[in-house]
Amino acid sequence: MNFIKRLKRDIEVVFERDPAATSWVEVVLNYPGLHAIWAHRLTHALYLHHHRVSARFLSQVARFFTQVEIHPGAVLGEGLFIDHGCGIVIGETAVVGKNVTLYQGVTLGGTGKESGKRHPNIGDNVMISSGAKVLGNINIGSDVKIGAGSVVLKDVPDNCTVVGVPGRIVIRDGNRVKTDEHHVDLNHNQLPDPVDDCLRILNYRVDALSTRLKELEEKL
């Protein structure tokens, strides 16, 4: 994909995923996530040509204006959409696949001072919701949804939904991992809550025990 087509595709992605976008002028001027991606294209090219000091300096300038920190060494796939952008961090060895959506506050980071590959690999068509943290050299499969505020520390296979701290798989291949009488849509603000599931089951069992105890007391 040539330079002009890539810029055009970047703008199209915004219209596809943000209903607030009204015109290409608004998108070009007012979307810091888009600016951060464009700046990364430049810094990544410098990084690959071993101009790493210049690349890091320009990435810090972009961070100042966009509040998005993308290390020049990170690899970003086509179709990436960064919504709002504030507080997003993408580490040096992170690899992001195609058509990925990142909301504000997402971190694709490391877990310590390990060297080498220390940041996650993100598959295609992944949505990572607000405040989620994906940490370490782990693999996130394609078509995965990660709920707001989740902390993911282990590999996640394809076609899963992950929520919680630490992140737990609650839907896999369209089926709930934990049974629940309620159906939940996969919007990032309406993801299943495994803690709520446990409390719901506990409450049901307490009610059942209370009823049984009352029956025994009446018999006695």
N, C-alpha and C. Protein backbone atom coordinates (compact mmCIF):
# COMPACT_ATOMS: atom_id res chain seq x y z
N MET A 1 0.85 -1.19 0.00
CA MET A 1 0.00 0.00 0.00
C MET A 1 0.89 1.25 0.00
N ASN A 2 0.67 2.13 -1.00
CA ASN A 2 1.51 3.31 -1.08
C ASN A 2 1.12 4.35 -0.03
N PHE A 3 1.91 5.40 0.04
CA PHE A 3 1.77 6.40 1.11
C PHE A 3 0.38 7.05 1.10
N ILE A 4 -0.08 7.49 -0.06
CA ILE A 4 -1.37 8.18 -0.14
C ILE A 4 -2.52 7.25 0.23
N LYS A 5 -2.49 6.03 -0.28
CA LYS A 5 -3.54 5.07 0.03
C LYS A 5 -3.56 4.74 1.51
N ARG A 6 -2.38 4.67 2.12
CA ARG A 6 -2.31 4.37 3.55
C ARG A 6 -2.92 5.50 4.38
N LEU A 7 -2.62 6.76 4.02
CA LEU A 7 -3.23 7.89 4.73
C LEU A 7 -4.75 7.88 4.57
N LYS A 8 -5.21 7.60 3.36
CA LYS A 8 -6.64 7.55 3.11
C LYS A 8 -7.29 6.45 3.93
N ARG A 9 -6.63 5.30 4.01
CA ARG A 9 -7.18 4.19 4.79
C ARG A 9 -7.23 4.54 6.27
N ASP A 10 -6.22 5.23 6.78
CA ASP A 10 -6.21 5.64 8.18
C ASP A 10 -7.43 6.51 8.49
N ILE A 11 -7.77 7.40 7.58
CA ILE A 11 -8.92 8.28 7.79
C ILE A 11 -10.22 7.50 7.69
N GLU A 12 -10.29 6.57 6.74
CA GLU A 12 -11.50 5.75 6.59
C GLU A 12 -11.78 4.94 7.86
N VAL A 13 -10.72 4.46 8.50
CA VAL A 13 -10.88 3.67 9.72
C VAL A 13 -11.58 4.48 10.80
N VAL A 14 -11.25 5.76 10.90
CA VAL A 14 -11.89 6.62 11.91
C VAL A 14 -13.39 6.69 11.65
N PHE A 15 -13.79 6.91 10.40
CA PHE A 15 -15.21 6.98 10.07
C PHE A 15 -15.92 5.65 10.33
N GLU A 16 -15.23 4.55 10.11
CA GLU A 16 -15.83 3.23 10.32
C GLU A 16 -16.12 2.95 11.78
N ARG A 17 -15.29 3.49 12.69
CA ARG A 17 -15.39 3.08 14.10
C ARG A 17 -15.77 4.20 15.06
N ASP A 18 -15.86 5.42 14.60
CA ASP A 18 -16.24 6.52 15.49
C ASP A 18 -17.43 7.27 14.90
N PRO A 19 -18.62 7.11 15.47
CA PRO A 19 -19.80 7.81 14.94
C PRO A 19 -19.74 9.32 15.11
N ALA A 20 -18.79 9.80 15.95
CA ALA A 20 -18.67 11.25 16.15
C ALA A 20 -17.96 11.95 15.01
N ALA A 21 -17.27 11.19 14.17
CA ALA A 21 -16.54 11.79 13.05
C ALA A 21 -17.52 12.28 11.99
N THR A 22 -17.39 13.54 11.59
CA THR A 22 -18.35 14.13 10.65
C THR A 22 -17.73 14.54 9.32
N SER A 23 -16.44 14.84 9.31
CA SER A 23 -15.80 15.26 8.06
C SER A 23 -14.33 14.91 8.10
N TRP A 24 -13.72 14.79 6.93
CA TRP A 24 -12.31 14.43 6.89
C TRP A 24 -11.44 15.54 7.46
N VAL A 25 -11.89 16.80 7.34
CA VAL A 25 -11.14 17.92 7.91
C VAL A 25 -11.09 17.79 9.43
N GLU A 26 -12.24 17.47 10.02
CA GLU A 26 -12.30 17.30 11.47
C GLU A 26 -11.38 16.16 11.91
N VAL A 27 -11.41 15.08 11.17
CA VAL A 27 -10.59 13.92 11.53
C VAL A 27 -9.10 14.25 11.45
N VAL A 28 -8.68 14.89 10.38
CA VAL A 28 -7.27 15.21 10.18
C VAL A 28 -6.77 16.18 11.24
N LEU A 29 -7.60 17.13 11.64
CA LEU A 29 -7.15 18.17 12.56
C LEU A 29 -7.32 17.81 14.03
N ASN A 30 -8.30 16.97 14.37
CA ASN A 30 -8.70 16.85 15.77
C ASN A 30 -8.62 15.45 16.37
N TYR A 31 -7.97 14.52 15.70
CA TYR A 31 -7.89 13.16 16.24
C TYR A 31 -6.46 12.83 16.65
N PRO A 32 -6.13 12.95 17.94
CA PRO A 32 -4.75 12.70 18.38
C PRO A 32 -4.30 11.27 18.16
N GLY A 33 -5.23 10.32 18.21
CA GLY A 33 -4.85 8.94 17.94
C GLY A 33 -4.33 8.76 16.53
N LEU A 34 -4.96 9.45 15.59
CA LEU A 34 -4.52 9.41 14.20
C LEU A 34 -3.16 10.09 14.06
N HIS A 35 -2.99 11.22 14.74
CA HIS A 35 -1.70 11.93 14.70
C HIS A 35 -0.59 11.04 15.26
N ALA A 36 -0.90 10.32 16.33
CA ALA A 36 0.10 9.44 16.95
C ALA A 36 0.54 8.33 16.00
N ILE A 37 -0.43 7.77 15.27
CA ILE A 37 -0.11 6.71 14.31
C ILE A 37 0.77 7.26 13.19
N TRP A 38 0.42 8.43 12.68
CA TRP A 38 1.21 9.04 11.61
C TRP A 38 2.63 9.36 12.09
N ALA A 39 2.74 9.88 13.31
CA ALA A 39 4.07 10.18 13.85
C ALA A 39 4.88 8.89 14.00
N HIS A 40 4.22 7.82 14.40
CA HIS A 40 4.93 6.55 14.58
C HIS A 40 5.47 6.04 13.25
N ARG A 41 4.78 6.28 12.17
CA ARG A 41 5.28 5.83 10.88
C ARG A 41 6.66 6.43 10.61
N LEU A 42 6.81 7.70 10.95
CA LEU A 42 8.09 8.37 10.75
C LEU A 42 9.14 7.84 11.72
N THR A 43 8.80 7.77 12.99
CA THR A 43 9.78 7.34 13.99
C THR A 43 10.17 5.88 13.79
N HIS A 44 9.24 5.05 13.35
CA HIS A 44 9.55 3.64 13.12
C HIS A 44 10.54 3.48 11.96
N ALA A 45 10.35 4.30 10.92
CA ALA A 45 11.28 4.26 9.79
C ALA A 45 12.68 4.67 10.23
N LEU A 46 12.78 5.71 11.05
CA LEU A 46 14.07 6.13 11.58
C LEU A 46 14.69 5.03 12.45
N TYR A 47 13.85 4.37 13.25
CA TYR A 47 14.31 3.30 14.13
C TYR A 47 14.90 2.15 13.32
N LEU A 48 14.22 1.79 12.24
CA LEU A 48 14.69 0.68 11.41
C LEU A 48 16.00 1.01 10.71
N HIS A 49 16.24 2.31 10.48
CA HIS A 49 17.50 2.74 9.84
C HIS A 49 18.56 3.14 10.87
N HIS A 50 18.33 2.72 12.12
CA HIS A 50 19.30 2.87 13.21
C HIS A 50 19.53 4.33 13.62
N HIS A 51 18.55 5.21 13.35
CA HIS A 51 18.59 6.57 13.88
C HIS A 51 17.74 6.60 15.16
N ARG A 52 18.18 5.85 16.15
CA ARG A 52 17.30 5.59 17.28
C ARG A 52 17.16 6.78 18.22
N VAL A 53 18.20 7.59 18.36
CA VAL A 53 18.08 8.77 19.22
C VAL A 53 17.07 9.74 18.61
N SER A 54 17.17 9.98 17.32
CA SER A 54 16.22 10.87 16.64
C SER A 54 14.81 10.31 16.72
N ALA A 55 14.70 9.00 16.55
CA ALA A 55 13.38 8.37 16.60
C ALA A 55 12.75 8.53 17.98
N ARG A 56 13.52 8.29 19.03
CA ARG A 56 12.99 8.44 20.38
C ARG A 56 12.63 9.88 20.68
N PHE A 57 13.46 10.81 20.22
CA PHE A 57 13.17 12.22 20.47
C PHE A 57 11.85 12.63 19.81
N LEU A 58 11.67 12.26 18.55
CA LEU A 58 10.44 12.62 17.84
C LEU A 58 9.23 11.92 18.45
N SER A 59 9.42 10.70 18.94
CA SER A 59 8.29 10.01 19.58
C SER A 59 7.88 10.72 20.87
N GLN A 60 8.84 11.31 21.58
CA GLN A 60 8.52 12.07 22.79
C GLN A 60 7.80 13.38 22.44
N VAL A 61 8.19 13.98 21.34
CA VAL A 61 7.47 15.18 20.88
C VAL A 61 6.02 14.82 20.56
N ALA A 62 5.84 13.70 19.84
CA ALA A 62 4.48 13.25 19.51
C ALA A 62 3.69 12.92 20.77
N ARG A 63 4.37 12.34 21.75
CA ARG A 63 3.71 12.03 23.02
C ARG A 63 3.21 13.30 23.71
N PHE A 64 4.01 14.36 23.66
CA PHE A 64 3.64 15.62 24.30
C PHE A 64 2.35 16.18 23.70
N PHE A 65 2.21 16.08 22.39
CA PHE A 65 1.05 16.67 21.72
C PHE A 65 -0.16 15.74 21.70
N THR A 66 0.05 14.44 21.70
CA THR A 66 -1.07 13.51 21.54
C THR A 66 -1.44 12.75 22.82
N GLN A 67 -0.56 12.73 23.82
CA GLN A 67 -0.73 11.93 25.04
C GLN A 67 -0.78 10.44 24.73
N VAL A 68 -0.20 10.06 23.62
CA VAL A 68 -0.06 8.65 23.25
C VAL A 68 1.42 8.35 23.13
N GLU A 69 1.89 7.35 23.86
CA GLU A 69 3.31 6.99 23.80
C GLU A 69 3.48 5.68 23.05
N ILE A 70 4.05 5.76 21.87
CA ILE A 70 4.33 4.57 21.06
C ILE A 70 5.84 4.51 20.83
N HIS A 71 6.47 3.48 21.33
CA HIS A 71 7.91 3.36 21.11
C HIS A 71 8.18 3.17 19.62
N PRO A 72 9.22 3.80 19.09
CA PRO A 72 9.51 3.67 17.66
C PRO A 72 9.73 2.24 17.19
N GLY A 73 10.12 1.35 18.11
CA GLY A 73 10.36 -0.03 17.72
C GLY A 73 9.10 -0.87 17.58
N ALA A 74 7.97 -0.39 18.09
CA ALA A 74 6.73 -1.16 18.01
C ALA A 74 6.29 -1.32 16.56
N VAL A 75 5.64 -2.44 16.27
CA VAL A 75 5.15 -2.72 14.92
C VAL A 75 3.63 -2.62 14.94
N LEU A 76 3.08 -1.72 14.13
CA LEU A 76 1.64 -1.48 14.09
C LEU A 76 1.07 -1.92 12.75
N GLY A 77 0.03 -2.72 12.79
CA GLY A 77 -0.60 -3.20 11.57
C GLY A 77 -1.55 -2.19 10.97
N GLU A 78 -2.01 -2.47 9.76
CA GLU A 78 -2.95 -1.59 9.08
C GLU A 78 -4.31 -1.62 9.77
N GLY A 79 -5.01 -0.51 9.67
CA GLY A 79 -6.35 -0.46 10.23
C GLY A 79 -6.42 -0.22 11.72
N LEU A 80 -5.31 0.17 12.35
CA LEU A 80 -5.32 0.47 13.78
C LEU A 80 -6.13 1.72 14.04
N PHE A 81 -7.01 1.66 15.05
CA PHE A 81 -7.79 2.83 15.46
C PHE A 81 -7.55 3.09 16.94
N ILE A 82 -7.05 4.28 17.25
CA ILE A 82 -6.83 4.70 18.63
C ILE A 82 -7.89 5.74 18.96
N ASP A 83 -8.84 5.37 19.80
CA ASP A 83 -9.95 6.27 20.14
C ASP A 83 -9.55 7.16 21.32
N HIS A 84 -9.68 8.45 21.16
CA HIS A 84 -9.31 9.46 22.17
C HIS A 84 -7.79 9.48 22.39
N GLY A 85 -7.22 8.34 22.74
CA GLY A 85 -5.77 8.23 22.80
C GLY A 85 -5.14 8.53 24.13
N CYS A 86 -5.77 9.30 24.97
CA CYS A 86 -5.14 9.76 26.21
C CYS A 86 -4.67 8.59 27.07
N GLY A 87 -3.37 8.57 27.37
CA GLY A 87 -2.81 7.58 28.28
C GLY A 87 -2.42 6.26 27.68
N ILE A 88 -2.49 6.12 26.38
CA ILE A 88 -2.12 4.85 25.75
C ILE A 88 -0.60 4.72 25.69
N VAL A 89 -0.10 3.51 26.02
CA VAL A 89 1.33 3.22 25.96
C VAL A 89 1.53 1.92 25.19
N ILE A 90 2.42 1.94 24.20
CA ILE A 90 2.74 0.75 23.42
C ILE A 90 4.26 0.58 23.47
N GLY A 91 4.70 -0.56 24.00
CA GLY A 91 6.11 -0.79 24.24
C GLY A 91 6.92 -1.14 23.01
N GLU A 92 8.23 -1.18 23.18
CA GLU A 92 9.18 -1.31 22.08
C GLU A 92 9.00 -2.57 21.26
N THR A 93 8.78 -3.70 21.89
CA THR A 93 8.71 -4.96 21.16
C THR A 93 7.28 -5.43 20.94
N ALA A 94 6.32 -4.55 21.17
CA ALA A 94 4.92 -4.90 20.92
C ALA A 94 4.67 -5.03 19.42
N VAL A 95 3.81 -5.97 19.06
CA VAL A 95 3.40 -6.17 17.67
C VAL A 95 1.88 -6.15 17.64
N VAL A 96 1.31 -5.22 16.87
CA VAL A 96 -0.14 -5.05 16.80
C VAL A 96 -0.60 -5.46 15.41
N GLY A 97 -1.60 -6.34 15.36
CA GLY A 97 -2.09 -6.85 14.09
C GLY A 97 -2.98 -5.88 13.35
N LYS A 98 -3.74 -6.39 12.40
CA LYS A 98 -4.59 -5.56 11.55
C LYS A 98 -5.95 -5.31 12.21
N ASN A 99 -6.49 -4.12 11.94
CA ASN A 99 -7.85 -3.76 12.36
C ASN A 99 -8.05 -3.88 13.87
N VAL A 100 -7.08 -3.40 14.61
CA VAL A 100 -7.14 -3.40 16.08
C VAL A 100 -7.70 -2.07 16.56
N THR A 101 -8.49 -2.10 17.64
CA THR A 101 -9.05 -0.89 18.24
C THR A 101 -8.55 -0.77 19.68
N LEU A 102 -7.96 0.37 20.01
CA LEU A 102 -7.48 0.65 21.36
C LEU A 102 -8.22 1.86 21.91
N TYR A 103 -8.77 1.72 23.11
CA TYR A 103 -9.41 2.84 23.77
C TYR A 103 -8.45 3.49 24.77
N GLN A 104 -8.87 4.61 25.34
CA GLN A 104 -7.97 5.39 26.18
C GLN A 104 -7.47 4.59 27.37
N GLY A 105 -6.23 4.85 27.74
CA GLY A 105 -5.65 4.23 28.93
C GLY A 105 -5.12 2.83 28.73
N VAL A 106 -5.10 2.32 27.52
CA VAL A 106 -4.59 0.97 27.27
C VAL A 106 -3.07 0.95 27.34
N THR A 107 -2.53 -0.10 27.94
CA THR A 107 -1.08 -0.30 28.00
C THR A 107 -0.73 -1.65 27.40
N LEU A 108 0.17 -1.63 26.43
CA LEU A 108 0.78 -2.86 25.92
C LEU A 108 2.22 -2.83 26.39
N GLY A 109 2.45 -3.35 27.58
CA GLY A 109 3.74 -3.12 28.25
C GLY A 109 4.45 -4.38 28.67
N GLY A 110 5.55 -4.19 29.39
CA GLY A 110 6.34 -5.29 29.93
C GLY A 110 6.01 -5.53 31.38
N THR A 111 6.71 -6.49 31.98
CA THR A 111 6.45 -6.84 33.38
C THR A 111 7.66 -6.66 34.27
N GLY A 112 8.75 -6.13 33.75
CA GLY A 112 9.95 -5.96 34.57
C GLY A 112 11.11 -5.49 33.74
N LYS A 113 12.31 -5.92 34.13
CA LYS A 113 13.53 -5.48 33.45
C LYS A 113 14.09 -6.54 32.51
N GLU A 114 13.22 -7.47 32.10
CA GLU A 114 13.70 -8.50 31.18
C GLU A 114 14.12 -7.88 29.86
N SER A 115 15.04 -8.53 29.15
CA SER A 115 15.52 -8.01 27.88
C SER A 115 14.92 -8.82 26.74
N GLY A 116 15.17 -8.37 25.51
CA GLY A 116 14.64 -9.08 24.36
C GLY A 116 13.15 -8.81 24.19
N LYS A 117 12.44 -9.81 23.68
CA LYS A 117 11.00 -9.67 23.45
C LYS A 117 10.28 -9.65 24.78
N ARG A 118 9.68 -8.52 25.13
CA ARG A 118 9.09 -8.37 26.46
C ARG A 118 7.72 -7.72 26.43
N HIS A 119 7.18 -7.51 25.23
CA HIS A 119 5.86 -6.89 25.11
C HIS A 119 4.93 -7.80 24.31
N PRO A 120 3.64 -7.60 24.40
CA PRO A 120 2.70 -8.56 23.81
C PRO A 120 2.60 -8.48 22.29
N ASN A 121 2.12 -9.59 21.72
CA ASN A 121 1.71 -9.66 20.32
C ASN A 121 0.19 -9.65 20.27
N ILE A 122 -0.37 -8.74 19.52
CA ILE A 122 -1.82 -8.60 19.43
C ILE A 122 -2.26 -9.07 18.04
N GLY A 123 -3.24 -9.97 18.00
CA GLY A 123 -3.72 -10.50 16.73
C GLY A 123 -4.59 -9.51 15.96
N ASP A 124 -5.23 -10.00 14.92
CA ASP A 124 -6.09 -9.17 14.08
C ASP A 124 -7.49 -9.03 14.69
N ASN A 125 -8.13 -7.90 14.38
CA ASN A 125 -9.52 -7.66 14.78
C ASN A 125 -9.73 -7.75 16.29
N VAL A 126 -8.78 -7.21 17.04
CA VAL A 126 -8.85 -7.22 18.50
C VAL A 126 -9.35 -5.87 19.01
N MET A 127 -10.19 -5.90 20.04
CA MET A 127 -10.65 -4.68 20.70
C MET A 127 -10.18 -4.70 22.15
N ILE A 128 -9.43 -3.67 22.55
CA ILE A 128 -8.94 -3.57 23.92
C ILE A 128 -9.56 -2.32 24.53
N SER A 129 -10.38 -2.52 25.54
CA SER A 129 -11.21 -1.45 26.09
C SER A 129 -10.45 -0.55 27.06
N SER A 130 -11.12 0.49 27.50
CA SER A 130 -10.51 1.55 28.30
C SER A 130 -9.80 1.02 29.54
N GLY A 131 -8.56 1.45 29.74
CA GLY A 131 -7.83 1.13 30.95
C GLY A 131 -7.27 -0.27 31.03
N ALA A 132 -7.44 -1.07 30.00
CA ALA A 132 -6.93 -2.45 30.05
C ALA A 132 -5.41 -2.47 29.92
N LYS A 133 -4.79 -3.43 30.59
CA LYS A 133 -3.34 -3.60 30.55
C LYS A 133 -3.02 -5.00 30.05
N VAL A 134 -2.23 -5.07 29.00
CA VAL A 134 -1.76 -6.35 28.46
C VAL A 134 -0.25 -6.35 28.63
N LEU A 135 0.26 -7.23 29.48
CA LEU A 135 1.64 -7.11 29.94
C LEU A 135 2.44 -8.37 29.68
N GLY A 136 3.67 -8.18 29.24
CA GLY A 136 4.60 -9.28 29.07
C GLY A 136 4.63 -9.82 27.65
N ASN A 137 5.53 -10.76 27.43
CA ASN A 137 5.68 -11.40 26.12
C ASN A 137 4.63 -12.48 25.98
N ILE A 138 3.40 -12.06 25.71
CA ILE A 138 2.28 -12.99 25.57
C ILE A 138 1.63 -12.78 24.22
N ASN A 139 0.79 -13.73 23.82
CA ASN A 139 0.11 -13.67 22.53
C ASN A 139 -1.39 -13.54 22.75
N ILE A 140 -1.96 -12.50 22.15
CA ILE A 140 -3.40 -12.30 22.17
C ILE A 140 -3.91 -12.68 20.78
N GLY A 141 -4.78 -13.66 20.71
CA GLY A 141 -5.25 -14.16 19.43
C GLY A 141 -6.11 -13.17 18.67
N SER A 142 -6.54 -13.56 17.50
CA SER A 142 -7.39 -12.72 16.67
C SER A 142 -8.84 -12.78 17.16
N ASP A 143 -9.59 -11.72 16.85
CA ASP A 143 -11.02 -11.63 17.20
C ASP A 143 -11.23 -11.75 18.71
N VAL A 144 -10.35 -11.12 19.48
CA VAL A 144 -10.44 -11.12 20.94
C VAL A 144 -10.96 -9.78 21.42
N LYS A 145 -11.76 -9.80 22.49
CA LYS A 145 -12.23 -8.59 23.15
C LYS A 145 -11.71 -8.60 24.59
N ILE A 146 -11.11 -7.50 24.99
CA ILE A 146 -10.59 -7.38 26.35
C ILE A 146 -11.35 -6.26 27.04
N GLY A 147 -11.98 -6.57 28.16
CA GLY A 147 -12.86 -5.64 28.85
C GLY A 147 -12.12 -4.50 29.53
N ALA A 148 -12.86 -3.44 29.82
CA ALA A 148 -12.30 -2.26 30.46
C ALA A 148 -11.70 -2.60 31.81
N GLY A 149 -10.49 -2.08 32.05
CA GLY A 149 -9.83 -2.27 33.33
C GLY A 149 -9.21 -3.63 33.55
N SER A 150 -9.26 -4.51 32.57
CA SER A 150 -8.69 -5.86 32.73
C SER A 150 -7.16 -5.80 32.72
N VAL A 151 -6.55 -6.78 33.38
CA VAL A 151 -5.10 -6.93 33.37
C VAL A 151 -4.80 -8.33 32.84
N VAL A 152 -4.25 -8.41 31.64
CA VAL A 152 -4.02 -9.69 30.97
C VAL A 152 -2.54 -10.03 31.06
N LEU A 153 -2.25 -11.20 31.65
CA LEU A 153 -0.86 -11.62 31.89
C LEU A 153 -0.53 -12.95 31.22
N LYS A 154 -1.53 -13.59 30.60
CA LYS A 154 -1.31 -14.89 29.97
C LYS A 154 -1.85 -14.87 28.54
N ASP A 155 -1.40 -15.84 27.75
CA ASP A 155 -1.87 -15.95 26.37
C ASP A 155 -3.39 -16.09 26.32
N VAL A 156 -3.96 -15.54 25.27
CA VAL A 156 -5.40 -15.65 25.03
C VAL A 156 -5.60 -16.21 23.62
N PRO A 157 -6.32 -17.31 23.47
CA PRO A 157 -6.53 -17.87 22.12
C PRO A 157 -7.50 -17.03 21.31
N ASP A 158 -7.70 -17.40 20.06
CA ASP A 158 -8.61 -16.68 19.17
C ASP A 158 -10.04 -16.75 19.70
N ASN A 159 -10.84 -15.73 19.28
CA ASN A 159 -12.29 -15.73 19.50
C ASN A 159 -12.68 -15.82 20.98
N CYS A 160 -12.02 -15.01 21.81
CA CYS A 160 -12.31 -15.03 23.24
C CYS A 160 -12.66 -13.63 23.73
N THR A 161 -13.38 -13.59 24.84
CA THR A 161 -13.62 -12.35 25.57
C THR A 161 -12.99 -12.48 26.95
N VAL A 162 -12.20 -11.48 27.35
CA VAL A 162 -11.45 -11.53 28.60
C VAL A 162 -11.86 -10.35 29.48
N VAL A 163 -12.12 -10.61 30.76
CA VAL A 163 -12.41 -9.55 31.71
C VAL A 163 -11.72 -9.86 33.04
N GLY A 164 -11.58 -8.84 33.88
CA GLY A 164 -11.15 -9.04 35.25
C GLY A 164 -9.68 -8.79 35.50
N VAL A 165 -9.32 -8.87 36.81
CA VAL A 165 -7.95 -8.70 37.27
C VAL A 165 -7.62 -9.88 38.18
N PRO A 166 -6.77 -10.80 37.78
CA PRO A 166 -6.17 -10.87 36.43
C PRO A 166 -7.20 -11.27 35.40
N GLY A 167 -6.89 -11.05 34.14
CA GLY A 167 -7.84 -11.33 33.07
C GLY A 167 -8.22 -12.80 32.99
N ARG A 168 -9.54 -13.05 32.86
CA ARG A 168 -10.05 -14.41 32.72
C ARG A 168 -10.93 -14.50 31.49
N ILE A 169 -10.85 -15.62 30.81
CA ILE A 169 -11.68 -15.83 29.63
C ILE A 169 -13.09 -16.17 30.07
N VAL A 170 -14.07 -15.39 29.62
CA VAL A 170 -15.46 -15.65 29.98
C VAL A 170 -16.29 -16.08 28.77
N ILE A 171 -15.82 -15.82 27.57
CA ILE A 171 -16.48 -16.30 26.37
C ILE A 171 -15.41 -16.83 25.42
N ARG A 172 -15.68 -18.02 24.87
CA ARG A 172 -14.74 -18.61 23.92
C ARG A 172 -15.52 -19.24 22.77
N ASP A 173 -15.18 -18.83 21.57
CA ASP A 173 -15.88 -19.31 20.37
C ASP A 173 -17.39 -19.14 20.48
N GLY A 174 -17.80 -18.01 21.07
CA GLY A 174 -19.21 -17.68 21.16
C GLY A 174 -19.94 -18.31 22.32
N ASN A 175 -19.28 -19.14 23.12
CA ASN A 175 -19.92 -19.81 24.25
C ASN A 175 -19.35 -19.30 25.56
N ARG A 176 -20.24 -19.09 26.52
CA ARG A 176 -19.79 -18.63 27.83
C ARG A 176 -19.01 -19.72 28.54
N VAL A 177 -17.89 -19.35 29.11
CA VAL A 177 -17.09 -20.31 29.88
C VAL A 177 -17.77 -20.60 31.21
N LYS A 178 -18.41 -19.59 31.78
CA LYS A 178 -19.18 -19.76 33.01
C LYS A 178 -20.65 -19.54 32.69
N THR A 179 -21.50 -20.44 33.16
CA THR A 179 -22.92 -20.35 32.84
C THR A 179 -23.55 -19.19 33.58
N ASP A 180 -24.50 -18.55 32.93
CA ASP A 180 -25.23 -17.43 33.51
C ASP A 180 -26.57 -17.37 32.82
N GLU A 181 -27.61 -17.08 33.56
CA GLU A 181 -28.95 -17.05 33.00
C GLU A 181 -29.18 -15.84 32.11
N HIS A 182 -28.29 -14.87 32.17
CA HIS A 182 -28.46 -13.65 31.40
C HIS A 182 -27.53 -13.64 30.20
N HIS A 183 -28.05 -13.20 29.07
CA HIS A 183 -27.21 -13.01 27.88
C HIS A 183 -26.64 -11.61 27.91
N VAL A 184 -25.36 -11.48 27.60
CA VAL A 184 -24.69 -10.17 27.63
C VAL A 184 -24.10 -9.88 26.26
N ASP A 185 -24.37 -8.71 25.73
CA ASP A 185 -23.79 -8.31 24.45
C ASP A 185 -22.29 -8.11 24.62
N LEU A 186 -21.57 -8.05 23.50
CA LEU A 186 -20.13 -7.91 23.56
C LEU A 186 -19.68 -6.47 23.38
N ASN A 187 -20.53 -5.52 23.69
CA ASN A 187 -20.08 -4.13 23.72
C ASN A 187 -19.09 -3.97 24.87
N HIS A 188 -18.08 -3.11 24.67
CA HIS A 188 -17.02 -3.06 25.67
C HIS A 188 -17.47 -2.50 27.00
N ASN A 189 -18.66 -1.91 27.08
CA ASN A 189 -19.18 -1.43 28.36
C ASN A 189 -20.19 -2.40 28.95
N GLN A 190 -20.39 -3.56 28.34
CA GLN A 190 -21.38 -4.51 28.83
C GLN A 190 -20.82 -5.93 28.82
N LEU A 191 -19.56 -6.07 29.17
CA LEU A 191 -18.93 -7.39 29.16
C LEU A 191 -19.34 -8.18 30.40
N PRO A 192 -19.35 -9.51 30.32
CA PRO A 192 -19.70 -10.33 31.48
C PRO A 192 -18.74 -10.08 32.63
N ASP A 193 -19.24 -10.26 33.86
CA ASP A 193 -18.46 -10.02 35.07
C ASP A 193 -18.38 -11.31 35.87
N PRO A 194 -17.23 -12.01 35.87
CA PRO A 194 -17.14 -13.29 36.59
C PRO A 194 -17.30 -13.14 38.10
N VAL A 195 -16.90 -12.02 38.66
CA VAL A 195 -17.08 -11.79 40.10
C VAL A 195 -18.57 -11.70 40.43
N ASP A 196 -19.31 -10.97 39.60
CA ASP A 196 -20.75 -10.87 39.79
C ASP A 196 -21.41 -12.24 39.65
N ASP A 197 -20.90 -13.05 38.71
CA ASP A 197 -21.44 -14.41 38.54
C ASP A 197 -21.30 -15.22 39.83
N CYS A 198 -20.10 -15.14 40.45
CA CYS A 198 -19.85 -15.89 41.68
C CYS A 198 -20.76 -15.41 42.82
N LEU A 199 -20.91 -14.09 42.94
CA LEU A 199 -21.77 -13.55 43.99
C LEU A 199 -23.22 -13.94 43.77
N ARG A 200 -23.64 -13.99 42.52
CA ARG A 200 -25.01 -14.38 42.20
C ARG A 200 -25.27 -15.84 42.61
N ILE A 201 -24.29 -16.73 42.30
CA ILE A 201 -24.43 -18.14 42.66
C ILE A 201 -24.42 -18.30 44.18
N LEU A 202 -23.52 -17.57 44.86
CA LEU A 202 -23.44 -17.64 46.33
C LEU A 202 -24.74 -17.19 46.97
N ASN A 203 -25.31 -16.11 46.44
CA ASN A 203 -26.57 -15.60 46.98
C ASN A 203 -27.70 -16.62 46.80
N TYR A 204 -27.71 -17.29 45.65
CA TYR A 204 -28.73 -18.32 45.39
C TYR A 204 -28.60 -19.46 46.40
N ARG A 205 -27.36 -19.89 46.67
CA ARG A 205 -27.16 -21.00 47.59
C ARG A 205 -27.52 -20.62 49.03
N VAL A 206 -27.22 -19.39 49.43
CA VAL A 206 -27.60 -18.92 50.78
C VAL A 206 -29.11 -18.92 50.93
N ASP A 207 -29.82 -18.46 49.90
CA ASP A 207 -31.28 -18.46 49.94
C ASP A 207 -31.82 -19.88 50.06
N ALA A 208 -31.22 -20.81 49.29
CA ALA A 208 -31.66 -22.20 49.33
C ALA A 208 -31.43 -22.81 50.71
N LEU A 209 -30.27 -22.52 51.32
CA LEU A 209 -29.98 -23.04 52.66
C LEU A 209 -30.91 -22.44 53.70
N SER A 210 -31.21 -21.15 53.57
CA SER A 210 -32.13 -20.50 54.51
C SER A 210 -33.51 -21.12 54.44
N THR A 211 -33.97 -21.40 53.22
CA THR A 211 -35.29 -22.02 53.04
C THR A 211 -35.31 -23.42 53.65
N ARG A 212 -34.24 -24.19 53.42
CA ARG A 212 -34.17 -25.54 53.96
C ARG A 212 -34.11 -25.53 55.47
N LEU A 213 -33.35 -24.59 56.05
CA LEU A 213 -33.26 -24.49 57.50
C LEU A 213 -34.60 -24.14 58.10
N LYS A 214 -35.34 -23.26 57.47
CA LYS A 214 -36.67 -22.88 57.97
C LYS A 214 -37.60 -24.06 57.94
N GLU A 215 -37.53 -24.89 56.89
CA GLU A 215 -38.38 -26.09 56.82
C GLU A 215 -38.05 -27.06 57.94
N LEU A 216 -36.77 -27.26 58.22
CA LEU A 216 -36.38 -28.17 59.30
C LEU A 216 -36.82 -27.66 60.65
N GLU A 217 -36.74 -26.35 60.88
CA GLU A 217 -37.17 -25.77 62.16
C GLU A 217 -38.66 -25.97 62.35
N GLU A 218 -39.44 -25.83 61.28
CA GLU A 218 -40.89 -26.00 61.38
C GLU A 218 -41.25 -27.45 61.72
N LYS A 219 -40.50 -28.41 61.13
CA LYS A 219 -40.75 -29.81 61.42
C LYS A 219 -40.44 -30.17 62.87
N LEU A 220 -39.36 -29.55 63.39
CA LEU A 220 -38.98 -29.81 64.78
C LEU A 220 -39.93 -29.15 65.76
